[in-house]
C-alpha atoms as a PDB file:
ATOM      1  CA  MET A   1      -3.934 -33.071 -20.356  1.00  0.00           C
ATOM      2  CA  ARG A   2      -5.748 -32.609 -17.051  1.00  0.00           C
ATOM      3  CA  LYS A   3      -2.667 -31.074 -15.423  1.00  0.00           C
ATOM      4  CA  ARG A   4      -2.428 -28.511 -18.192  1.00  0.00           C
ATOM      5  CA  ARG A   5      -6.077 -27.521 -17.682  1.00  0.00           C
ATOM      6  CA  ASP A   6      -5.521 -27.233 -13.931  1.00  0.00           C
ATOM      7  CA  LYS A   7      -2.489 -24.989 -14.484  1.00  0.00           C
ATOM      8  CA  ASN A   8      -4.464 -22.776 -16.868  1.00  0.00           C
ATOM      9  CA  LYS A   9      -7.298 -22.611 -14.369  1.00  0.00           C
ATOM     10  CA  GLN A  10      -4.895 -21.525 -11.617  1.00  0.00           C
ATOM     11  CA  LYS A  11      -3.386 -18.813 -13.842  1.00  0.00           C
ATOM     12  CA  ARG A  12      -6.772 -17.233 -14.605  1.00  0.00           C
ATOM     13  CA  LYS A  13      -7.770 -14.484 -12.266  1.00  0.00           C
ATOM     14  CA  ASN A  14     -11.241 -14.207 -10.875  1.00  0.00           C
ATOM     15  CA  LEU A  15     -12.294 -10.650 -11.650  1.00  0.00           C
ATOM     16  CA  PHE A  16     -15.744 -10.837 -10.089  1.00  0.00           C
ATOM     17  CA  PRO A  17     -14.681  -9.972  -6.491  1.00  0.00           C
ATOM     18  CA  SER A  18     -12.540  -7.102  -7.748  1.00  0.00           C
ATOM     19  CA  LEU A  19     -15.399  -5.831  -9.865  1.00  0.00           C
ATOM     20  CA  ILE A  20     -17.778  -5.942  -6.890  1.00  0.00           C
ATOM     21  CA  ILE A  21     -15.286  -4.063  -4.678  1.00  0.00           C
ATOM     22  CA  THR A  22     -14.788  -1.482  -7.432  1.00  0.00           C
ATOM     23  CA  LEU A  23     -18.496  -0.875  -7.922  1.00  0.00           C
ATOM     24  CA  VAL A  24     -19.161  -0.640  -4.182  1.00  0.00           C
ATOM     25  CA  SER A  25     -16.275   1.763  -3.660  1.00  0.00           C
ATOM     26  CA  TRP A  26     -17.436   3.994  -6.540  1.00  0.00           C
ATOM     27  CA  PHE A  27     -20.907   4.017  -5.000  1.00  0.00           C
ATOM     28  CA  LEU A  28     -19.398   4.980  -1.630  1.00  0.00           C
ATOM     29  CA  ILE A  29     -17.442   7.848  -3.163  1.00  0.00           C
ATOM     30  CA  VAL A  30     -20.546   9.189  -4.898  1.00  0.00           C
ATOM     31  CA  TYR A  31     -22.495   8.869  -1.655  1.00  0.00           C
ATOM     32  CA  LEU A  32     -19.730  10.595   0.301  1.00  0.00           C
ATOM     33  CA  VAL A  33     -19.489  13.486  -2.160  1.00  0.00           C
ATOM     34  CA  TYR A  34     -23.235  14.097  -2.250  1.00  0.00           C
ATOM     35  CA  SER A  35     -24.083  13.562   1.399  1.00  0.00           C
ATOM     36  CA  VAL A  36     -21.205  15.025   3.425  1.00  0.00           C
ATOM     37  CA  ASP A  37     -20.465  18.707   3.857  1.00  0.00           C
ATOM     38  CA  PRO A  38     -17.037  19.401   2.305  1.00  0.00           C
ATOM     39  CA  THR A  39     -16.036  21.892   4.985  1.00  0.00           C
ATOM     40  CA  THR A  40     -15.806  19.220   7.677  1.00  0.00           C
ATOM     41  CA  SER A  41     -12.164  18.368   8.237  1.00  0.00           C
ATOM     42  CA  TYR A  42     -12.554  14.891   9.722  1.00  0.00           C
ATOM     43  CA  ILE A  43     -13.948  13.459   6.478  1.00  0.00           C
ATOM     44  CA  MET A  44     -10.835  14.088   4.378  1.00  0.00           C
ATOM     45  CA  VAL A  45      -8.829  11.082   5.619  1.00  0.00           C
ATOM     46  CA  PRO A  46     -11.599   8.567   4.841  1.00  0.00           C
ATOM     47  CA  PHE A  47     -12.170  10.326   1.526  1.00  0.00           C
ATOM     48  CA  PHE A  48      -8.550   9.966   0.437  1.00  0.00           C
ATOM     49  CA  ILE A  49      -8.427   6.347   1.603  1.00  0.00           C
ATOM     50  CA  LEU A  50     -11.605   5.581  -0.297  1.00  0.00           C
ATOM     51  CA  VAL A  51     -10.317   7.357  -3.415  1.00  0.00           C
ATOM     52  CA  PHE A  52      -7.079   5.372  -3.223  1.00  0.00           C
ATOM     53  CA  ILE A  53      -8.884   2.025  -2.872  1.00  0.00           C
ATOM     54  CA  THR A  54     -11.309   2.879  -5.659  1.00  0.00           C
ATOM     55  CA  LEU A  55      -8.579   3.952  -8.039  1.00  0.00           C
ATOM     56  CA  LEU A  56      -6.418   0.963  -7.129  1.00  0.00           C
ATOM     57  CA  PHE A  57      -9.090  -1.564  -8.031  1.00  0.00           C
ATOM     58  CA  THR A  58     -10.264   0.397 -11.062  1.00  0.00           C
ATOM     59  CA  PHE A  59      -6.814   0.751 -12.598  1.00  0.00           C
ATOM     60  CA  SER A  60      -5.788  -2.771 -11.635  1.00  0.00           C
ATOM     61  CA  ILE A  61      -8.747  -4.121 -13.583  1.00  0.00           C
ATOM     62  CA  THR A  62      -8.367  -1.660 -16.450  1.00  0.00           C
ATOM     63  CA  LEU A  63      -4.618  -2.062 -16.896  1.00  0.00           C
ATOM     64  CA  ALA A  64      -4.661  -5.794 -16.013  1.00  0.00           C
ATOM     65  CA  ASN A  65      -1.649  -5.246 -13.792  1.00  0.00           C
ATOM     66  CA  THR A  66      -1.749  -4.638 -10.050  1.00  0.00           C
ATOM     67  CA  ARG A  67       1.629  -2.896  -9.898  1.00  0.00           C
ATOM     68  CA  ARG A  68       0.677  -0.361 -12.561  1.00  0.00           C
ATOM     69  CA  GLY A  69      -2.700   0.126 -10.909  1.00  0.00           C
ATOM     70  CA  LEU A  70      -0.950   0.811  -7.608  1.00  0.00           C
ATOM     71  CA  THR A  71       1.474   3.260  -9.199  1.00  0.00           C
ATOM     72  CA  THR A  72      -1.288   5.142 -11.002  1.00  0.00           C
ATOM     73  CA  SER A  73      -3.576   5.274  -7.988  1.00  0.00           C
ATOM     74  CA  VAL A  74      -0.784   6.525  -5.700  1.00  0.00           C
ATOM     75  CA  ALA A  75       0.105   9.251  -8.220  1.00  0.00           C
ATOM     76  CA  ILE A  76      -3.494  10.428  -8.616  1.00  0.00           C
ATOM     77  CA  THR A  77      -4.127  10.343  -4.867  1.00  0.00           C
ATOM     78  CA  ILE A  78      -1.000  12.389  -4.168  1.00  0.00           C
ATOM     79  CA  PHE A  79      -2.033  14.925  -6.792  1.00  0.00           C
ATOM     80  CA  LEU A  80      -5.548  15.160  -5.306  1.00  0.00           C
ATOM     81  CA  PHE A  81      -3.966  15.648  -1.887  1.00  0.00           C
ATOM     82  CA  PHE A  82      -1.864  18.475  -3.294  1.00  0.00           C
ATOM     83  CA  ARG A  83      -4.947  20.004  -4.912  1.00  0.00           C
ATOM     84  CA  TYR A  84      -6.740  19.904  -1.568  1.00  0.00           C
ATOM     85  CA  TYR A  85      -3.968  21.957   0.025  1.00  0.00           C
ATOM     86  CA  GLY A  86      -3.787  24.335  -2.942  1.00  0.00           C
ATOM     87  CA  ILE A  87      -0.407  23.332  -4.327  1.00  0.00           C
ATOM     88  CA  GLY A  88      -1.606  21.076  -7.110  1.00  0.00           C
ATOM     89  CA  ASN A  89      -0.613  22.668 -10.391  1.00  0.00           C
ATOM     90  CA  ILE A  90       0.518  21.429 -13.780  1.00  0.00           C
ATOM     91  CA  LEU A  91       4.177  21.319 -12.733  1.00  0.00           C
ATOM     92  CA  ASN A  92       3.416  19.113  -9.733  1.00  0.00           C
ATOM     93  CA  PHE A  93       1.197  16.970 -11.948  1.00  0.00           C
ATOM     94  CA  LEU A  94       4.021  16.434 -14.434  1.00  0.00           C
ATOM     95  CA  LEU A  95       6.567  15.736 -11.692  1.00  0.00           C
ATOM     96  CA  ILE A  96       4.338  13.205  -9.918  1.00  0.00           C
ATOM     97  CA  PHE A  97       3.473  11.333 -13.088  1.00  0.00           C
ATOM     98  CA  GLY A  98       7.071  11.466 -14.288  1.00  0.00           C
ATOM     99  CA  LEU A  99       8.109   9.874 -11.014  1.00  0.00           C
ATOM    100  CA  ALA A 100       5.332   7.294 -11.376  1.00  0.00           C
ATOM    101  CA  ILE A 101       6.418   6.395 -14.902  1.00  0.00           C
ATOM    102  CA  ALA A 102      10.081   6.213 -13.883  1.00  0.00           C
ATOM    103  CA  SER A 103       9.292   3.958 -10.928  1.00  0.00           C
ATOM    104  CA  ASP A 104       7.137   1.733 -13.114  1.00  0.00           C
ATOM    105  CA  ILE A 105       9.945   1.368 -15.653  1.00  0.00           C
ATOM    106  CA  TYR A 106      12.450   0.687 -12.884  1.00  0.00           C
ATOM    107  CA  PHE A 107      10.356  -2.013 -11.225  1.00  0.00           C
ATOM    108  CA  SER A 108       9.393  -3.643 -14.512  1.00  0.00           C
ATOM    109  CA  ASN A 109      13.055  -3.946 -15.557  1.00  0.00           C
ATOM    110  CA  ASN A 110      14.365  -5.248 -12.235  1.00  0.00           C
ATOM    111  CA  HIS A 111      11.672  -7.729 -11.343  1.00  0.00           C
END
Protein backbone atom coordinates (compact mmCIF):
# COMPACT_ATOMS: atom_id res chain seq x y z
CA MET A 1 0.00 0.00 0.00
CA ARG A 2 2.80 2.40 0.91
CA LYS A 3 4.70 1.60 -2.29
CA ARG A 4 1.66 2.43 -4.37
CA ARG A 5 1.32 5.81 -2.65
CA ASP A 6 5.02 6.51 -3.20
CA LYS A 7 4.69 5.67 -6.91
CA ASN A 8 1.66 7.96 -7.24
CA LYS A 9 3.54 10.70 -5.43
CA GLN A 10 6.48 10.36 -7.83
CA LYS A 11 4.17 10.51 -10.87
CA ARG A 12 2.56 13.78 -9.77
CA LYS A 13 4.21 16.86 -11.11
CA ASN A 14 4.87 19.87 -8.97
CA LEU A 15 3.37 22.76 -10.90
CA PHE A 16 4.27 25.49 -8.43
CA PRO A 17 7.82 26.17 -9.76
CA SER A 18 6.55 26.21 -13.33
CA LEU A 19 3.76 28.57 -12.37
CA ILE A 20 6.23 30.93 -10.66
CA ILE A 21 8.54 30.91 -13.71
CA THR A 22 5.55 31.57 -15.98
CA LEU A 23 4.29 34.50 -13.94
CA VAL A 24 7.76 36.04 -13.64
CA SER A 25 8.42 35.67 -17.35
CA TRP A 26 5.06 37.26 -18.24
CA PHE A 27 5.91 40.14 -15.92
CA LEU A 28 9.31 40.51 -17.62
CA ILE A 29 7.73 40.61 -21.07
CA VAL A 30 5.26 43.29 -19.99
CA TYR A 31 8.10 45.26 -18.41
CA LEU A 32 10.23 44.88 -21.53
CA VAL A 33 7.44 46.00 -23.86
CA TYR A 34 6.56 49.06 -21.79
CA SER A 35 10.03 50.21 -20.79
CA VAL A 36 12.29 49.60 -23.80
CA ASP A 37 12.27 51.58 -27.01
CA PRO A 38 11.29 49.20 -29.85
CA THR A 39 13.68 50.76 -32.34
CA THR A 40 16.76 49.50 -30.50
CA SER A 41 18.11 46.47 -32.31
CA TYR A 42 20.02 44.84 -29.46
CA ILE A 43 16.85 44.11 -27.49
CA MET A 44 15.29 41.78 -30.07
CA VAL A 45 17.33 38.68 -29.18
CA PRO A 46 16.46 38.83 -25.46
CA PHE A 47 12.86 39.59 -26.41
CA PHE A 48 12.53 36.49 -28.58
CA ILE A 49 14.26 34.32 -25.98
CA LEU A 50 11.95 35.64 -23.29
CA VAL A 51 8.88 35.12 -25.50
CA PHE A 52 9.98 31.55 -26.20
CA ILE A 53 10.51 30.74 -22.51
CA THR A 54 7.23 32.36 -21.53
CA LEU A 55 5.25 30.52 -24.18
CA LEU A 56 7.01 27.24 -23.41
CA PHE A 57 6.04 27.29 -19.75
CA THR A 58 2.57 28.67 -20.44
CA PHE A 59 1.66 26.06 -23.03
CA SER A 60 3.34 23.25 -21.11
CA ILE A 61 1.12 24.02 -18.14
CA THR A 62 -1.98 24.66 -20.24
CA LEU A 63 -1.66 21.60 -22.46
CA ALA A 64 -0.22 19.41 -19.67
CA ASN A 65 2.41 18.15 -22.08
CA THR A 66 5.92 19.52 -22.43
CA ARG A 67 6.42 18.28 -25.99
CA ARG A 68 3.26 19.97 -27.25
CA GLY A 69 4.16 23.11 -25.32
CA LEU A 70 7.58 23.11 -26.98
CA THR A 71 6.10 22.58 -30.44
CA THR A 72 3.54 25.36 -29.99
CA SER A 73 6.02 27.81 -28.52
CA VAL A 74 8.56 27.19 -31.31
CA ALA A 75 5.85 27.72 -33.94
CA ILE A 76 4.62 30.97 -32.40
CA THR A 77 8.15 32.28 -31.88
CA ILE A 78 9.08 31.55 -35.49
CA PHE A 79 5.95 33.31 -36.69
CA LEU A 80 6.70 36.34 -34.49
CA PHE A 81 10.23 36.36 -35.89
CA PHE A 82 8.81 36.36 -39.41
CA ARG A 83 6.43 39.17 -38.48
CA TYR A 84 9.36 41.20 -37.17
CA TYR A 85 11.09 40.95 -40.54
CA GLY A 86 7.87 41.65 -42.45
CA ILE A 87 7.31 38.24 -43.99
CA GLY A 88 4.75 36.94 -41.54
CA ASN A 89 1.50 36.48 -43.41
CA ILE A 90 -1.38 34.03 -43.28
CA LEU A 91 0.33 31.59 -45.65
CA ASN A 92 3.44 31.42 -43.48
CA PHE A 93 1.22 31.08 -40.42
CA LEU A 94 -0.58 28.10 -41.94
CA LEU A 95 2.66 26.48 -43.12
CA ILE A 96 4.36 26.86 -39.73
CA PHE A 97 1.42 25.48 -37.79
CA GLY A 98 0.91 22.70 -40.32
CA LEU A 99 4.52 21.71 -39.81
CA ALA A 100 4.07 21.93 -36.03
CA ILE A 101 0.99 19.70 -36.13
CA ALA A 102 2.68 17.21 -38.45
CA SER A 103 5.76 17.02 -36.22
CA ASP A 104 3.59 16.58 -33.15
CA ILE A 105 1.70 13.71 -34.78
CA TYR A 106 4.96 12.14 -35.94
CA PHE A 107 6.61 12.28 -32.52
CA SER A 108 3.50 11.10 -30.69
CA ASN A 109 3.21 8.03 -32.94
CA ASN A 110 6.88 7.05 -32.83
CA HIS A 111 7.64 7.57 -29.18
